[in-house]
Each structure stands twice: as C-alpha cells, then as structure tokens.
Amino acid sequence: MTGIDFTVFKGSPAGKIVESKTHKESLKPDEVLLKITHAGLCGTDQHYKTEDMVLGHEGVGVVQQVGSQVTAFKVGDRAGWGFLHNTCGHCDECLNANEFFCPERATYAHSNTDQGAFASHAVWKAAFLFHIPDTISSSDAAPLMCAGATIFNAMYSYNVRPADRVGIIGVGGLGHIAIQFAAKMGCEVVVFSGSDHKREEARSLGAKEFYTRSASKYEVGKPIKHLFVTTSHLPDWNLFLSVLAPNATIYPITVSHGDLVIPYTPIISKGLTIQGIFCASRGVHVKMLRFAAIHGIKPITQEFPLTVEGIEEAMAKLDRGEIRYRAVLVAGR
C-alpha cells in the first residue's frame, strides 16, 4: 500500500480549529491504521490550541489495517491510545516498566504532531495501542486514555491501599473518575468541593463524606492519608494541610504553569510527601482498563461531533466550566 491520506483538526495561532490533511507514504511493519470513532477532550488540548499541530490524545477507533509484523491487533479490533507515543525500550526506566520517564520518550505535542485524536484516522505503533475491553463503550473509553490512566496511575503506583482515607479536591473531569477508582479500591473517600450541589452526585459515585468550605478551615473526622488535587487551580494549602495525617501524600494532578508554593513547616513537621504524577506507563494503563471493566467505572460525558464546529463548541464550554464532566468528540458514520 502506498499513500495514506486522512483529515486532521489542528490548532492555529489565533486559537481557531483548522481542518487539514495528513499524508503517510505507507504503513510501516510495526504500525496500525485506525479509523477514529471517538476522541476525548482534555484540558491539555486547550493548552495547545494556539499551536500549528493536530490536537487530541485520548483516541479510540477501529483497526482498518495492520503492518506486516503486527500480531497483537487485527482488522476490526477496537483500540485506543493516550499521551505516550514511543520510548527507547532499553534504558533503565523502560526496563523497569517505568517507561513514561524514558529520557527519549515521544509524547503528545512533542512528537507526531501531524496526527492526533482529532482526526478521521491515525497511524500508530501497535506497541503503544491498547485493546478496549468489550464491556467499555468507545465513548467511555476515550477519557480513560488520559484522565483515567493518570488517576489510576497515581493510586496504583504510589501505595494507595484498601481502607486508606483518600481525599479528593474537586468533582470535575478528573475528580469524578478519581472518586470511582478510590471507592472501588476499597478506600474511604472524602470529597472537598467548592459548592454543595454536587454532594449527592459525589456520594452516588462512591464518596463517604463530602465537605464544602464554610469557615476558615475544614472540620473533618479522621485525617486524610492521600490527597488528590484535581481542580484546575491549586488550592489554598492552609485549608488542607491541617486535615492530613502524618506521612500523608499530596498528589497535584492537574497542570498548572505557575510555581508550587506551599507552607514549609507542615511538610517537615508531619513528614508529608508531595508526589509528582503524570500519565501511566503501558503496564499500568492496561491494568486501569481491566479494573474499569471489572468494576463498571464510567466517566460522565457529553458528546459533540468530531468536526471543526463540534471541537470549538466543546472547547468553549470547557473554558466556561460547562462540561459535565468530560467532552467526547464523536465521528460521523
């Protein structure tokens, strides 16, 4: 086969979505051609909408062709991908299944910028694609490719255990998924929110306790062992450091381009840990999908057409905080 052409949707210096075309000369032996059916919209995509690159990194589609060396996928399979595109495969991090921190990693916005999830098709390395379990719909799978994998990675890789008291700040795109994962892991989930109207929804997702700020501090029962920050802005740390247990861990999940400024003395006096988190390596990503399938974990989504107009509408609503809670772009038949 020679010549693969497909439609892509790119950012632009003006922040407008531009429809364009991408061309691949051929399918390499280790690659797969996917017809994209669903694409999740992540906050990170907003950061790059002024760049001349194809947007989207929560892609799900159907395999149309496979390279001559591909054995893990066949035509008709559903597959998805996330933030990580490729690694060297031989450094210490790769050999220790910690490949997301490979010094030669290829990731969204830094490689393969001529293609992405906001497109009609994609040509992807088979080794960095994931089978979608039969019990997870493609629309539900899309946000799990990044948001779900990041949350699960933090909990699975950094010793969150059953019966731990887990605090989650925010009931939004990340927070509502975090509540479900923590609850299904057997944790005691404590949710902190800026408003009371999400109380019953948080409880339906698995929260045991729900607090809104009513004074200069939070009045909670037992202290928190793990605190996940899932809001778009960093919190007032003085409100939360007092509710943490000794040797507790703080996980800043969302991306903020400012400095992390936090009171120093409580970190020392309580032996607190601030744990950086990024997306999952492949082994953890696979476990996340299995866990979500077993326990029926589903993002709460709003669907938009995978078109220029649909992408712009979804991004505008995300900017205004009107998405409940993950936008999914759906391709036409």
C-alpha atoms as a PDB file:
ATOM      1  CA  MET A   1       0.000   0.000   0.000  1.00  0.00           C
ATOM      2  CA  THR A   2       1.317   3.422  -0.874  1.00  0.00           C
ATOM      3  CA  GLY A   3      -0.155   6.649   0.290  1.00  0.00           C
ATOM      4  CA  ILE A   4      -2.492   7.191   3.238  1.00  0.00           C
ATOM      5  CA  ASP A   5      -4.387  10.468   3.393  1.00  0.00           C
ATOM      6  CA  PHE A   6      -6.729  11.491   6.183  1.00  0.00           C
ATOM      7  CA  THR A   7      -8.416  14.523   7.701  1.00  0.00           C
ATOM      8  CA  VAL A   8      -6.998  16.163  10.827  1.00  0.00           C
ATOM      9  CA  PHE A   9      -8.027  19.076  13.040  1.00  0.00           C
ATOM     10  CA  LYS A  10      -5.251  21.413  14.126  1.00  0.00           C
ATOM     11  CA  GLY A  11      -4.776  24.387  16.374  1.00  0.00           C
ATOM     12  CA  SER A  12      -3.709  27.755  14.991  1.00  0.00           C
ATOM     13  CA  PRO A  13      -2.019  30.939  16.284  1.00  0.00           C
ATOM     14  CA  ALA A  14      -5.462  32.562  16.549  1.00  0.00           C
ATOM     15  CA  GLY A  15      -6.765  29.656  18.653  1.00  0.00           C
ATOM     16  CA  LYS A  16      -9.202  28.606  15.940  1.00  0.00           C
ATOM     17  CA  ILE A  17      -9.580  24.978  14.876  1.00  0.00           C
ATOM     18  CA  VAL A  18      -8.383  24.349  11.334  1.00  0.00           C
ATOM     19  CA  GLU A  19      -9.294  21.329   9.204  1.00  0.00           C
ATOM     20  CA  SER A  20      -6.308  19.983   7.285  1.00  0.00           C
ATOM     21  CA  LYS A  21      -4.880  16.834   5.705  1.00  0.00           C
ATOM     22  CA  THR A  22      -2.074  14.493   6.724  1.00  0.00           C
ATOM     23  CA  HIS A  23      -0.260  12.138   4.367  1.00  0.00           C
ATOM     24  CA  LYS A  24       1.693   8.988   5.228  1.00  0.00           C
ATOM     25  CA  GLU A  25       3.682   7.299   2.495  1.00  0.00           C
ATOM     26  CA  SER A  26       2.965   3.787   3.739  1.00  0.00           C
ATOM     27  CA  LEU A  27       2.149   1.678   6.779  1.00  0.00           C
ATOM     28  CA  LYS A  28       5.368   0.511   8.484  1.00  0.00           C
ATOM     29  CA  PRO A  29       5.662  -3.118   9.610  1.00  0.00           C
ATOM     30  CA  ASP A  30       5.005  -2.251  13.287  1.00  0.00           C
ATOM     31  CA  GLU A  31       2.163   0.213  12.667  1.00  0.00           C
ATOM     32  CA  VAL A  32      -1.619   0.105  12.659  1.00  0.00           C
ATOM     33  CA  LEU A  33      -4.093   2.235  10.713  1.00  0.00           C
ATOM     34  CA  LEU A  34      -7.067   3.221  12.865  1.00  0.00           C
ATOM     35  CA  LYS A  35     -10.343   4.815  11.857  1.00  0.00           C
ATOM     36  CA  ILE A  36     -11.034   7.162  14.783  1.00  0.00           C
ATOM     37  CA  THR A  37     -14.553   6.944  16.187  1.00  0.00           C
ATOM     38  CA  HIS A  38     -14.201   8.842  19.493  1.00  0.00           C
ATOM     39  CA  ALA A  39     -11.779  11.381  20.946  1.00  0.00           C
ATOM     40  CA  GLY A  40     -11.740  12.763  24.458  1.00  0.00           C
ATOM     41  CA  LEU A  41     -11.135  16.461  25.055  1.00  0.00           C
ATOM     42  CA  CYS A  42      -8.533  17.017  27.777  1.00  0.00           C
ATOM     43  CA  GLY A  43      -7.521  20.280  29.398  1.00  0.00           C
ATOM     44  CA  THR A  44      -4.062  19.761  27.911  1.00  0.00           C
ATOM     45  CA  ASP A  45      -5.575  20.106  24.447  1.00  0.00           C
ATOM     46  CA  GLN A  46      -6.635  23.620  25.422  1.00  0.00           C
ATOM     47  CA  HIS A  47      -3.005  24.478  26.161  1.00  0.00           C
ATOM     48  CA  TYR A  48      -2.021  23.677  22.566  1.00  0.00           C
ATOM     49  CA  LYS A  49      -4.921  25.114  20.583  1.00  0.00           C
ATOM     50  CA  THR A  50      -2.720  28.043  19.523  1.00  0.00           C
ATOM     51  CA  GLU A  51      -0.068  25.686  18.087  1.00  0.00           C
ATOM     52  CA  ASP A  52       0.154  24.504  14.495  1.00  0.00           C
ATOM     53  CA  MET A  53      -0.318  20.835  15.437  1.00  0.00           C
ATOM     54  CA  VAL A  54      -3.020  18.193  15.351  1.00  0.00           C
ATOM     55  CA  LEU A  55      -4.882  18.128  18.654  1.00  0.00           C
ATOM     56  CA  GLY A  56      -6.150  15.277  20.795  1.00  0.00           C
ATOM     57  CA  HIS A  57      -4.521  12.440  22.716  1.00  0.00           C
ATOM     58  CA  GLU A  58      -7.489  10.434  24.035  1.00  0.00           C
ATOM     59  CA  GLY A  59      -8.157   8.492  20.852  1.00  0.00           C
ATOM     60  CA  VAL A  60     -10.320   5.421  20.289  1.00  0.00           C
ATOM     61  CA  GLY A  61     -11.043   3.778  16.974  1.00  0.00           C
ATOM     62  CA  VAL A  62     -11.296   0.625  14.897  1.00  0.00           C
ATOM     63  CA  VAL A  63      -8.327  -1.088  13.265  1.00  0.00           C
ATOM     64  CA  GLN A  64      -8.506  -0.893   9.463  1.00  0.00           C
ATOM     65  CA  GLN A  65      -5.079  -2.249   8.514  1.00  0.00           C
ATOM     66  CA  VAL A  66      -2.055  -3.708  10.277  1.00  0.00           C
ATOM     67  CA  GLY A  67       1.622  -3.766   9.373  1.00  0.00           C
ATOM     68  CA  SER A  68       3.352  -6.976   8.388  1.00  0.00           C
ATOM     69  CA  GLN A  69       4.891  -7.509  11.836  1.00  0.00           C
ATOM     70  CA  VAL A  70       1.803  -6.699  13.912  1.00  0.00           C
ATOM     71  CA  THR A  71       0.350  -9.698  15.741  1.00  0.00           C
ATOM     72  CA  ALA A  72      -1.420  -8.089  18.726  1.00  0.00           C
ATOM     73  CA  PHE A  73      -4.168  -6.445  16.643  1.00  0.00           C
ATOM     74  CA  LYS A  74      -6.344  -7.491  13.741  1.00  0.00           C
ATOM     75  CA  VAL A  75      -8.717  -5.653  11.445  1.00  0.00           C
ATOM     76  CA  GLY A  76     -11.939  -4.815  13.275  1.00  0.00           C
ATOM     77  CA  ASP A  77     -10.420  -4.596  16.768  1.00  0.00           C
ATOM     78  CA  ARG A  78     -11.169  -1.553  18.881  1.00  0.00           C
ATOM     79  CA  ALA A  79      -8.063   0.199  20.146  1.00  0.00           C
ATOM     80  CA  GLY A  80      -7.099   3.385  21.915  1.00  0.00           C
ATOM     81  CA  TRP A  81      -4.048   5.418  22.840  1.00  0.00           C
ATOM     82  CA  GLY A  82      -3.012   8.151  25.234  1.00  0.00           C
ATOM     83  CA  PHE A  83      -0.256  10.652  25.893  1.00  0.00           C
ATOM     84  CA  LEU A  84       2.724   8.347  25.290  1.00  0.00           C
ATOM     85  CA  HIS A  85       3.685   7.546  21.696  1.00  0.00           C
ATOM     86  CA  ASN A  86       7.020   5.742  21.886  1.00  0.00           C
ATOM     87  CA  THR A  87      10.087   5.058  24.065  1.00  0.00           C
ATOM     88  CA  CYS A  88      13.619   3.782  23.540  1.00  0.00           C
ATOM     89  CA  GLY A  89      12.855   0.385  25.109  1.00  0.00           C
ATOM     90  CA  HIS A  90      16.339  -0.154  26.551  1.00  0.00           C
ATOM     91  CA  CYS A  91      17.042   2.458  29.246  1.00  0.00           C
ATOM     92  CA  ASP A  92      16.674   1.769  32.974  1.00  0.00           C
ATOM     93  CA  GLU A  93      13.215   3.365  33.093  1.00  0.00           C
ATOM     94  CA  CYS A  94      11.917   1.310  30.166  1.00  0.00           C
ATOM     95  CA  LEU A  95      13.373  -1.929  31.517  1.00  0.00           C
ATOM     96  CA  ASN A  96      11.782  -1.231  34.910  1.00  0.00           C
ATOM     97  CA  ALA A  97       8.325  -0.745  33.348  1.00  0.00           C
ATOM     98  CA  ASN A  98       8.548   2.937  34.187  1.00  0.00           C
ATOM     99  CA  GLU A  99       8.778   3.911  30.547  1.00  0.00           C
ATOM    100  CA  PHE A 100       6.829   7.127  30.801  1.00  0.00           C
ATOM    101  CA  PHE A 101      10.019   8.622  32.238  1.00  0.00           C
ATOM    102  CA  CYS A 102      12.213   7.360  29.410  1.00  0.00           C
ATOM    103  CA  PRO A 103      14.607  10.215  28.517  1.00  0.00           C
ATOM    104  CA  GLU A 104      13.852   9.582  24.842  1.00  0.00           C
ATOM    105  CA  ARG A 105      10.091   9.327  25.235  1.00  0.00           C
ATOM    106  CA  ALA A 106       7.826  10.603  22.468  1.00  0.00           C
ATOM    107  CA  THR A 107       4.673  12.253  23.778  1.00  0.00           C
ATOM    108  CA  TYR A 108       1.728  14.337  22.698  1.00  0.00           C
ATOM    109  CA  ALA A 109       2.638  17.843  21.473  1.00  0.00           C
ATOM    110  CA  HIS A 110       6.317  16.881  21.181  1.00  0.00           C
ATOM    111  CA  SER A 111       6.142  14.142  18.533  1.00  0.00           C
ATOM    112  CA  ASN A 112       3.859  13.026  15.706  1.00  0.00           C
ATOM    113  CA  THR A 113       2.333  16.479  15.669  1.00  0.00           C
ATOM    114  CA  ASP A 114       0.966  15.822  12.173  1.00  0.00           C
ATOM    115  CA  GLN A 115      -1.643  13.491  13.644  1.00  0.00           C
ATOM    116  CA  GLY A 116      -3.708  13.047  16.787  1.00  0.00           C
ATOM    117  CA  ALA A 117      -7.092  12.010  18.150  1.00  0.00           C
ATOM    118  CA  PHE A 118      -8.923  14.919  16.489  1.00  0.00           C
ATOM    119  CA  ALA A 119      -8.837  13.312  13.069  1.00  0.00           C
ATOM    120  CA  SER A 120     -10.548  10.814  10.802  1.00  0.00           C
ATOM    121  CA  HIS A 121      -7.694   8.301  11.067  1.00  0.00           C
ATOM    122  CA  ALA A 122      -4.321   7.771  12.720  1.00  0.00           C
ATOM    123  CA  VAL A 123      -1.262   5.642  12.020  1.00  0.00           C
ATOM    124  CA  TRP A 124       0.100   4.375  15.309  1.00  0.00           C
ATOM    125  CA  LYS A 125       2.742   1.998  16.617  1.00  0.00           C
ATOM    126  CA  ALA A 126       0.945  -1.180  17.640  1.00  0.00           C
ATOM    127  CA  ALA A 127       3.044  -1.440  20.809  1.00  0.00           C
ATOM    128  CA  PHE A 128       1.527   1.811  22.100  1.00  0.00           C
ATOM    129  CA  LEU A 129      -2.092   0.942  21.400  1.00  0.00           C
ATOM    130  CA  PHE A 130      -4.463  -0.621  23.933  1.00  0.00           C
ATOM    131  CA  HIS A 131      -7.288  -3.092  23.416  1.00  0.00           C
ATOM    132  CA  ILE A 132     -10.622  -1.734  24.653  1.00  0.00           C
ATOM    133  CA  PRO A 133     -12.476  -4.265  26.855  1.00  0.00           C
ATOM    134  CA  ASP A 134     -15.815  -5.373  25.445  1.00  0.00           C
ATOM    135  CA  THR A 135     -17.730  -4.031  28.455  1.00  0.00           C
ATOM    136  CA  ILE A 136     -16.423  -0.467  27.968  1.00  0.00           C
ATOM    137  CA  SER A 137     -18.042   1.613  25.237  1.00  0.00           C
ATOM    138  CA  SER A 138     -15.777   3.612  22.937  1.00  0.00           C
ATOM    139  CA  SER A 139     -17.280   6.864  24.250  1.00  0.00           C
ATOM    140  CA  ASP A 140     -16.481   5.871  27.835  1.00  0.00           C
ATOM    141  CA  ALA A 141     -13.041   4.568  26.863  1.00  0.00           C
ATOM    142  CA  ALA A 142     -11.828   7.848  25.347  1.00  0.00           C
ATOM    143  CA  PRO A 143     -11.492   9.840  28.626  1.00  0.00           C
ATOM    144  CA  LEU A 144      -9.875   6.813  30.279  1.00  0.00           C
ATOM    145  CA  MET A 145      -6.967   7.033  27.825  1.00  0.00           C
ATOM    146  CA  CYS A 146      -5.516  10.043  29.681  1.00  0.00           C
ATOM    147  CA  ALA A 147      -7.685  11.166  32.599  1.00  0.00           C
ATOM    148  CA  GLY A 148      -8.425   7.643  33.775  1.00  0.00           C
ATOM    149  CA  ALA A 149      -4.873   6.426  33.265  1.00  0.00           C
ATOM    150  CA  THR A 150      -3.393   9.378  35.166  1.00  0.00           C
ATOM    151  CA  ILE A 151      -5.684   8.979  38.175  1.00  0.00           C
ATOM    152  CA  PHE A 152      -5.280   5.199  38.316  1.00  0.00           C
ATOM    153  CA  ASN A 153      -1.513   5.520  37.937  1.00  0.00           C
ATOM    154  CA  ALA A 154      -1.319   7.774  40.990  1.00  0.00           C
ATOM    155  CA  MET A 155      -3.359   5.394  43.117  1.00  0.00           C
ATOM    156  CA  TYR A 156      -1.882   2.121  41.864  1.00  0.00           C
ATOM    157  CA  SER A 157       1.764   3.148  41.677  1.00  0.00           C
ATOM    158  CA  TYR A 158       2.061   5.108  44.916  1.00  0.00           C
ATOM    159  CA  ASN A 159       0.634   2.758  47.520  1.00  0.00           C
ATOM    160  CA  VAL A 160      -2.988   3.746  47.902  1.00  0.00           C
ATOM    161  CA  ARG A 161      -4.428   0.775  49.775  1.00  0.00           C
ATOM    162  CA  PRO A 162      -7.887  -0.521  50.736  1.00  0.00           C
ATOM    163  CA  ALA A 163      -9.290   1.213  53.831  1.00  0.00           C
ATOM    164  CA  ASP A 164      -6.976   4.227  53.331  1.00  0.00           C
ATOM    165  CA  ARG A 165      -8.690   7.542  53.855  1.00  0.00           C
ATOM    166  CA  VAL A 166      -8.434   9.309  50.500  1.00  0.00           C
ATOM    167  CA  GLY A 167      -9.257  12.993  49.976  1.00  0.00           C
ATOM    168  CA  ILE A 168     -10.237  14.296  46.558  1.00  0.00           C
ATOM    169  CA  ILE A 169     -10.386  18.038  45.890  1.00  0.00           C
ATOM    170  CA  GLY A 170     -12.894  18.760  43.138  1.00  0.00           C
ATOM    171  CA  VAL A 171     -15.722  16.875  41.442  1.00  0.00           C
ATOM    172  CA  GLY A 172     -14.892  17.557  37.796  1.00  0.00           C
ATOM    173  CA  GLY A 173     -13.238  15.942  34.803  1.00  0.00           C
ATOM    174  CA  LEU A 174     -10.584  14.194  36.900  1.00  0.00           C
ATOM    175  CA  GLY A 175     -12.243  14.237  40.291  1.00  0.00           C
ATOM    176  CA  HIS A 176     -15.374  12.289  39.373  1.00  0.00           C
ATOM    177  CA  ILE A 177     -13.207   9.495  37.958  1.00  0.00           C
ATOM    178  CA  ALA A 178     -10.897   9.584  40.985  1.00  0.00           C
ATOM    179  CA  ILE A 179     -13.866   9.093  43.331  1.00  0.00           C
ATOM    180  CA  GLN A 180     -14.876   5.948  41.449  1.00  0.00           C
ATOM    181  CA  PHE A 181     -11.402   4.410  41.343  1.00  0.00           C
ATOM    182  CA  ALA A 182     -10.707   5.076  45.014  1.00  0.00           C
ATOM    183  CA  ALA A 183     -14.099   3.760  46.110  1.00  0.00           C
ATOM    184  CA  LYS A 184     -13.742   0.562  44.081  1.00  0.00           C
ATOM    185  CA  MET A 185     -10.252   0.079  45.554  1.00  0.00           C
ATOM    186  CA  GLY A 186     -11.935  -0.104  48.946  1.00  0.00           C
ATOM    187  CA  CYS A 187     -10.862   3.320  50.193  1.00  0.00           C
ATOM    188  CA  GLU A 188     -12.784   5.678  52.423  1.00  0.00           C
ATOM    189  CA  VAL A 189     -13.362   8.553  50.007  1.00  0.00           C
ATOM    190  CA  VAL A 190     -13.626  12.109  51.337  1.00  0.00           C
ATOM    191  CA  VAL A 191     -14.563  14.790  48.785  1.00  0.00           C
ATOM    192  CA  PHE A 192     -13.891  18.520  49.063  1.00  0.00           C
ATOM    193  CA  SER A 193     -15.846  20.791  46.740  1.00  0.00           C
ATOM    194  CA  GLY A 194     -16.425  24.474  46.268  1.00  0.00           C
ATOM    195  CA  SER A 195     -20.188  24.049  46.142  1.00  0.00           C
ATOM    196  CA  ASP A 196     -22.779  21.863  47.815  1.00  0.00           C
ATOM    197  CA  HIS A 197     -24.820  20.982  44.705  1.00  0.00           C
ATOM    198  CA  LYS A 198     -22.524  18.065  43.813  1.00  0.00           C
ATOM    199  CA  ARG A 199     -22.929  16.365  47.195  1.00  0.00           C
ATOM    200  CA  GLU A 200     -25.413  13.677  46.163  1.00  0.00           C
ATOM    201  CA  GLU A 201     -23.623  13.003  42.888  1.00  0.00           C
ATOM    202  CA  ALA A 202     -20.305  12.554  44.701  1.00  0.00           C
ATOM    203  CA  ARG A 203     -21.955  10.124  47.096  1.00  0.00           C
ATOM    204  CA  SER A 204     -23.506   8.188  44.214  1.00  0.00           C
ATOM    205  CA  LEU A 205     -20.018   7.817  42.723  1.00  0.00           C
ATOM    206  CA  GLY A 206     -18.665   6.364  45.968  1.00  0.00           C
ATOM    207  CA  ALA A 207     -17.803   9.230  48.330  1.00  0.00           C
ATOM    208  CA  LYS A 208     -18.396   8.524  52.020  1.00  0.00           C
ATOM    209  CA  GLU A 209     -18.016  12.142  53.146  1.00  0.00           C
ATOM    210  CA  PHE A 210     -18.470  15.484  51.381  1.00  0.00           C
ATOM    211  CA  TYR A 211     -17.295  18.882  52.619  1.00  0.00           C
ATOM    212  CA  THR A 212     -17.651  22.421  51.392  1.00  0.00           C
ATOM    213  CA  ARG A 213     -15.737  25.321  52.873  1.00  0.00           C
ATOM    214  CA  SER A 214     -17.928  27.002  55.481  1.00  0.00           C
ATOM    215  CA  ALA A 215     -15.241  28.664  57.576  1.00  0.00           C
ATOM    216  CA  SER A 216     -11.509  29.284  57.620  1.00  0.00           C
ATOM    217  CA  LYS A 217     -10.848  25.554  57.902  1.00  0.00           C
ATOM    218  CA  TYR A 218     -12.360  22.168  57.128  1.00  0.00           C
ATOM    219  CA  GLU A 219     -13.822  20.214  60.030  1.00  0.00           C
ATOM    220  CA  VAL A 220     -13.330  16.549  59.178  1.00  0.00           C
ATOM    221  CA  GLY A 221     -13.133  13.399  61.231  1.00  0.00           C
ATOM    222  CA  LYS A 222     -10.114  11.174  60.875  1.00  0.00           C
ATOM    223  CA  PRO A 223      -7.150  12.686  58.996  1.00  0.00           C
ATOM    224  CA  ILE A 224      -6.501  12.074  55.306  1.00  0.00           C
ATOM    225  CA  LYS A 225      -3.765   9.672  54.156  1.00  0.00           C
ATOM    226  CA  HIS A 226      -3.765  10.581  50.440  1.00  0.00           C
ATOM    227  CA  LEU A 227      -4.904  13.923  48.998  1.00  0.00           C
ATOM    228  CA  PHE A 228      -5.602  14.246  45.263  1.00  0.00           C
ATOM    229  CA  VAL A 229      -5.788  17.766  43.818  1.00  0.00           C
ATOM    230  CA  THR A 230      -7.974  17.555  40.698  1.00  0.00           C
ATOM    231  CA  THR A 231      -9.177  21.160  40.385  1.00  0.00           C
ATOM    232  CA  SER A 232      -7.981  23.430  37.582  1.00  0.00           C
ATOM    233  CA  HIS A 233      -6.300  25.733  40.105  1.00  0.00           C
ATOM    234  CA  LEU A 234      -4.114  24.876  43.064  1.00  0.00           C
ATOM    235  CA  PRO A 235      -5.947  25.081  46.387  1.00  0.00           C
ATOM    236  CA  ASP A 236      -5.370  27.174  49.479  1.00  0.00           C
ATOM    237  CA  TRP A 237      -2.905  24.804  51.098  1.00  0.00           C
ATOM    238  CA  ASN A 238      -3.533  26.183  54.572  1.00  0.00           C
ATOM    239  CA  LEU A 239      -7.039  24.716  54.410  1.00  0.00           C
ATOM    240  CA  PHE A 240      -5.835  21.213  53.693  1.00  0.00           C
ATOM    241  CA  LEU A 241      -2.517  20.677  55.443  1.00  0.00           C
ATOM    242  CA  SER A 242      -4.292  20.622  58.782  1.00  0.00           C
ATOM    243  CA  VAL A 243      -6.510  17.662  57.770  1.00  0.00           C
ATOM    244  CA  LEU A 244      -3.630  15.455  56.613  1.00  0.00           C
ATOM    245  CA  ALA A 245      -2.313  12.512  58.605  1.00  0.00           C
ATOM    246  CA  PRO A 246       1.381  12.196  59.464  1.00  0.00           C
ATOM    247  CA  ASN A 247       3.308  10.850  56.451  1.00  0.00           C
ATOM    248  CA  ALA A 248       0.395  11.663  54.155  1.00  0.00           C
ATOM    249  CA  THR A 249       0.952  12.189  50.434  1.00  0.00           C
ATOM    250  CA  ILE A 250      -0.294  15.069  48.275  1.00  0.00           C
ATOM    251  CA  TYR A 251      -0.810  14.439  44.555  1.00  0.00           C
ATOM    252  CA  PRO A 252      -1.078  17.584  42.368  1.00  0.00           C
ATOM    253  CA  ILE A 253      -2.809  16.024  39.352  1.00  0.00           C
ATOM    254  CA  THR A 254      -3.831  18.987  37.216  1.00  0.00           C
ATOM    255  CA  VAL A 255      -1.400  21.015  35.129  1.00  0.00           C
ATOM    256  CA  SER A 256      -0.526  24.463  36.431  1.00  0.00           C
ATOM    257  CA  HIS A 257       2.167  26.603  34.844  1.00  0.00           C
ATOM    258  CA  GLY A 258       2.843  28.653  37.956  1.00  0.00           C
ATOM    259  CA  ASP A 259       5.112  27.781  40.864  1.00  0.00           C
ATOM    260  CA  LEU A 260       4.062  25.351  43.556  1.00  0.00           C
ATOM    261  CA  VAL A 261       4.000  27.497  46.700  1.00  0.00           C
ATOM    262  CA  ILE A 262       3.163  25.649  49.896  1.00  0.00           C
ATOM    263  CA  PRO A 263       3.813  26.259  53.613  1.00  0.00           C
ATOM    264  CA  TYR A 264       7.136  24.724  54.562  1.00  0.00           C
ATOM    265  CA  THR A 265       6.800  23.864  58.243  1.00  0.00           C
ATOM    266  CA  PRO A 266       3.868  21.400  57.936  1.00  0.00           C
ATOM    267  CA  ILE A 267       5.794  19.435  55.292  1.00  0.00           C
ATOM    268  CA  ILE A 268       8.614  18.961  57.793  1.00  0.00           C
ATOM    269  CA  SER A 269       6.626  18.556  60.997  1.00  0.00           C
ATOM    270  CA  LYS A 270       4.206  15.983  59.532  1.00  0.00           C
ATOM    271  CA  GLY A 271       6.640  14.233  57.221  1.00  0.00           C
ATOM    272  CA  LEU A 272       4.429  14.951  54.210  1.00  0.00           C
ATOM    273  CA  THR A 273       5.246  13.902  50.655  1.00  0.00           C
ATOM    274  CA  ILE A 274       4.375  15.842  47.501  1.00  0.00           C
ATOM    275  CA  GLN A 275       4.247  13.271  44.720  1.00  0.00           C
ATOM    276  CA  GLY A 276       4.514  14.364  41.104  1.00  0.00           C
ATOM    277  CA  ILE A 277       2.201  12.472  38.752  1.00  0.00           C
ATOM    278  CA  PHE A 278       1.977  12.129  35.017  1.00  0.00           C
ATOM    279  CA  CYS A 279       0.266   9.644  32.705  1.00  0.00           C
ATOM    280  CA  ALA A 280       0.664   5.907  33.105  1.00  0.00           C
ATOM    281  CA  SER A 281       3.208   3.613  31.548  1.00  0.00           C
ATOM    282  CA  ARG A 282       1.734   0.827  29.447  1.00  0.00           C
ATOM    283  CA  GLY A 283       1.545  -1.892  32.097  1.00  0.00           C
ATOM    284  CA  VAL A 284      -0.421   0.322  34.470  1.00  0.00           C
ATOM    285  CA  HIS A 285      -2.581   1.609  31.596  1.00  0.00           C
ATOM    286  CA  VAL A 286      -3.635  -1.963  30.776  1.00  0.00           C
ATOM    287  CA  LYS A 287      -4.452  -2.647  34.438  1.00  0.00           C
ATOM    288  CA  MET A 288      -6.528   0.539  34.541  1.00  0.00           C
ATOM    289  CA  LEU A 289      -8.683  -0.646  31.639  1.00  0.00           C
ATOM    290  CA  ARG A 290      -9.144  -4.075  33.236  1.00  0.00           C
ATOM    291  CA  PHE A 291     -10.044  -2.513  36.572  1.00  0.00           C
ATOM    292  CA  ALA A 292     -12.545  -0.139  34.960  1.00  0.00           C
ATOM    293  CA  ALA A 293     -14.128  -3.027  33.058  1.00  0.00           C
ATOM    294  CA  ILE A 294     -14.406  -5.256  36.139  1.00  0.00           C
ATOM    295  CA  HIS A 295     -15.881  -2.543  38.349  1.00  0.00           C
ATOM    296  CA  GLY A 296     -18.044  -0.704  35.816  1.00  0.00           C
ATOM    297  CA  ILE A 297     -16.198   2.597  36.155  1.00  0.00           C
ATOM    298  CA  LYS A 298     -17.547   5.074  33.608  1.00  0.00           C
ATOM    299  CA  PRO A 299     -16.766   8.732  33.003  1.00  0.00           C
ATOM    300  CA  ILE A 300     -19.716  11.100  32.911  1.00  0.00           C
ATOM    301  CA  THR A 301     -19.567  12.527  29.398  1.00  0.00           C
ATOM    302  CA  GLN A 302     -21.080  14.990  26.962  1.00  0.00           C
ATOM    303  CA  GLU A 303     -20.788  14.198  23.267  1.00  0.00           C
ATOM    304  CA  PHE A 304     -20.015  16.608  20.415  1.00  0.00           C
ATOM    305  CA  PRO A 305     -19.425  15.973  16.702  1.00  0.00           C
ATOM    306  CA  LEU A 306     -15.828  15.443  15.635  1.00  0.00           C
ATOM    307  CA  THR A 307     -15.879  18.469  13.326  1.00  0.00           C
ATOM    308  CA  VAL A 308     -14.429  21.969  13.419  1.00  0.00           C
ATOM    309  CA  GLU A 309     -17.683  23.275  14.869  1.00  0.00           C
ATOM    310  CA  GLY A 310     -18.007  20.460  17.382  1.00  0.00           C
ATOM    311  CA  ILE A 311     -14.437  20.848  18.642  1.00  0.00           C
ATOM    312  CA  GLU A 312     -14.794  24.613  19.008  1.00  0.00           C
ATOM    313  CA  GLU A 313     -18.103  24.239  20.864  1.00  0.00           C
ATOM    314  CA  ALA A 314     -16.656  21.659  23.244  1.00  0.00           C
ATOM    315  CA  MET A 315     -13.552  23.773  23.900  1.00  0.00           C
ATOM    316  CA  ALA A 316     -15.625  26.889  24.515  1.00  0.00           C
ATOM    317  CA  LYS A 317     -17.800  25.055  27.023  1.00  0.00           C
ATOM    318  CA  LEU A 318     -14.733  23.615  28.718  1.00  0.00           C
ATOM    319  CA  ASP A 319     -13.303  27.139  29.016  1.00  0.00           C
ATOM    320  CA  ARG A 320     -16.517  28.279  30.670  1.00  0.00           C
ATOM    321  CA  GLY A 321     -16.641  25.304  33.040  1.00  0.00           C
ATOM    322  CA  GLU A 322     -19.832  23.978  31.451  1.00  0.00           C
ATOM    323  CA  ILE A 323     -18.713  20.430  30.657  1.00  0.00           C
ATOM    324  CA  ARG A 324     -20.110  17.666  32.851  1.00  0.00           C
ATOM    325  CA  TYR A 325     -17.551  16.206  33.176  1.00  0.00           C
ATOM    326  CA  ARG A 326     -15.598  15.044  30.096  1.00  0.00           C
ATOM    327  CA  ALA A 327     -16.278  16.075  26.499  1.00  0.00           C
ATOM    328  CA  VAL A 328     -16.104  13.305  23.894  1.00  0.00           C
ATOM    329  CA  LEU A 329     -15.948  14.072  20.181  1.00  0.00           C
ATOM    330  CA  VAL A 330     -17.772  11.513  18.047  1.00  0.00           C
ATOM    331  CA  ALA A 331     -17.016  10.908  14.388  1.00  0.00           C
ATOM    332  CA  GLY A 332     -19.815  10.765  11.833  1.00  0.00           C
ATOM    333  CA  ARG A 333     -20.664   7.395  10.420  1.00  0.00           C
END
